[in-house]
Protein backbone atom coordinates (compact mmCIF):
# COMPACT_ATOMS: atom_id res chain seq x y z
CA MET A 1 0.00 0.00 0.00
CA HIS A 2 1.19 3.52 -0.78
CA LYS A 3 0.07 6.46 1.34
CA SER A 4 1.28 10.04 0.94
CA ILE A 5 1.39 12.38 3.91
CA GLN A 6 2.88 15.83 4.28
CA GLY A 7 5.90 16.68 6.32
CA VAL A 8 8.55 19.34 6.82
CA PHE A 9 12.31 18.94 6.42
CA ARG A 10 13.86 20.76 9.36
CA ASN A 11 17.29 20.49 11.01
CA GLY A 12 18.27 17.56 8.82
CA LYS A 13 15.17 15.51 9.67
CA VAL A 14 11.74 14.94 8.16
CA GLU A 15 8.93 15.77 10.59
CA LEU A 16 5.60 14.23 9.61
CA LEU A 17 2.50 16.42 9.92
CA GLU A 18 0.24 13.44 10.68
CA PRO A 19 0.76 9.96 12.09
CA ALA A 20 2.63 7.46 9.95
CA PRO A 21 0.25 4.91 8.41
CA THR A 22 2.44 1.82 8.97
CA GLN A 23 4.61 0.08 11.52
CA GLU A 24 8.18 1.03 12.46
CA ASP A 25 11.06 0.37 10.04
CA SER A 26 8.86 0.89 6.97
CA ARG A 27 10.39 2.00 3.69
CA VAL A 28 9.57 5.57 2.62
CA LEU A 29 10.03 7.76 -0.43
CA VAL A 30 10.70 11.44 0.23
CA THR A 31 9.97 14.04 -2.46
CA PHE A 32 10.98 17.64 -1.87
CA VAL A 33 8.31 20.05 -3.09
CA SER A 34 9.26 23.53 -4.22
CA GLU A 35 7.46 26.44 -2.61
CA GLU A 36 7.50 28.30 -5.93
CA SER A 37 4.05 29.04 -7.27
CA GLU A 38 5.09 29.15 -10.94
CA VAL A 39 6.06 26.14 -13.01
CA ASP A 40 9.18 26.41 -15.20
CA LEU A 41 7.53 25.55 -18.51
CA GLN A 42 10.76 25.61 -20.48
CA GLN A 43 12.32 23.09 -18.10
CA ARG A 44 9.32 20.83 -18.73
CA GLY A 45 9.58 21.23 -22.50
CA ILE A 46 6.29 23.06 -22.96
CA SER A 47 5.47 26.49 -24.30
CA PRO A 48 3.09 28.96 -22.60
CA ALA A 49 0.59 28.41 -25.43
CA GLN A 50 0.75 24.63 -24.98
CA ALA A 51 0.33 25.00 -21.22
CA GLN A 52 -2.72 27.20 -21.70
CA GLU A 53 -4.24 24.71 -24.15
CA LEU A 54 -3.62 21.82 -21.75
CA GLN A 55 -5.09 23.77 -18.85
CA SER A 56 -8.25 24.53 -20.83
CA LYS A 57 -8.61 20.85 -21.78
CA LEU A 58 -8.25 19.70 -18.17
CA LYS A 59 -10.43 22.42 -16.61
CA PRO A 60 -13.72 20.49 -17.00
CA MET A 61 -12.27 17.60 -14.96
CA ASN A 62 -11.14 19.85 -12.11
CA GLU A 63 -14.53 20.13 -10.38
CA ASP A 64 -15.13 16.37 -10.45
CA TRP A 65 -11.55 15.53 -9.49
CA ASN A 66 -11.67 17.72 -6.37
CA ARG A 67 -15.00 16.46 -4.99
CA PRO A 68 -14.69 15.03 -1.45
CA GLU A 69 -16.09 11.66 -2.54
CA MET A 70 -13.13 11.27 -4.92
CA ASP A 71 -10.78 10.92 -1.91
CA VAL A 72 -11.54 7.20 -1.92
CA TYR A 73 -9.27 6.87 -4.97
CA ASP A 74 -6.31 8.23 -2.99
CA GLN A 75 -6.28 4.97 -1.04
CA LEU A 76 -6.06 2.73 -4.14
């Protein structure tokens, strides 16, 4: 099972913001998330026009995707 929870990297250690979902000595994968609000499109190989087109195509899914009842899929 995979479960993502948020944490903070502070003083050389990762501090979890909620209880860990498994027993001690479990394997983990840590991904550092940038605090930047803008995405570097060039680094991702996409132009501003392509990003805008993609955003407009995905916009109709946004409301459904963010409904509370969709949280059940986070556990799959």
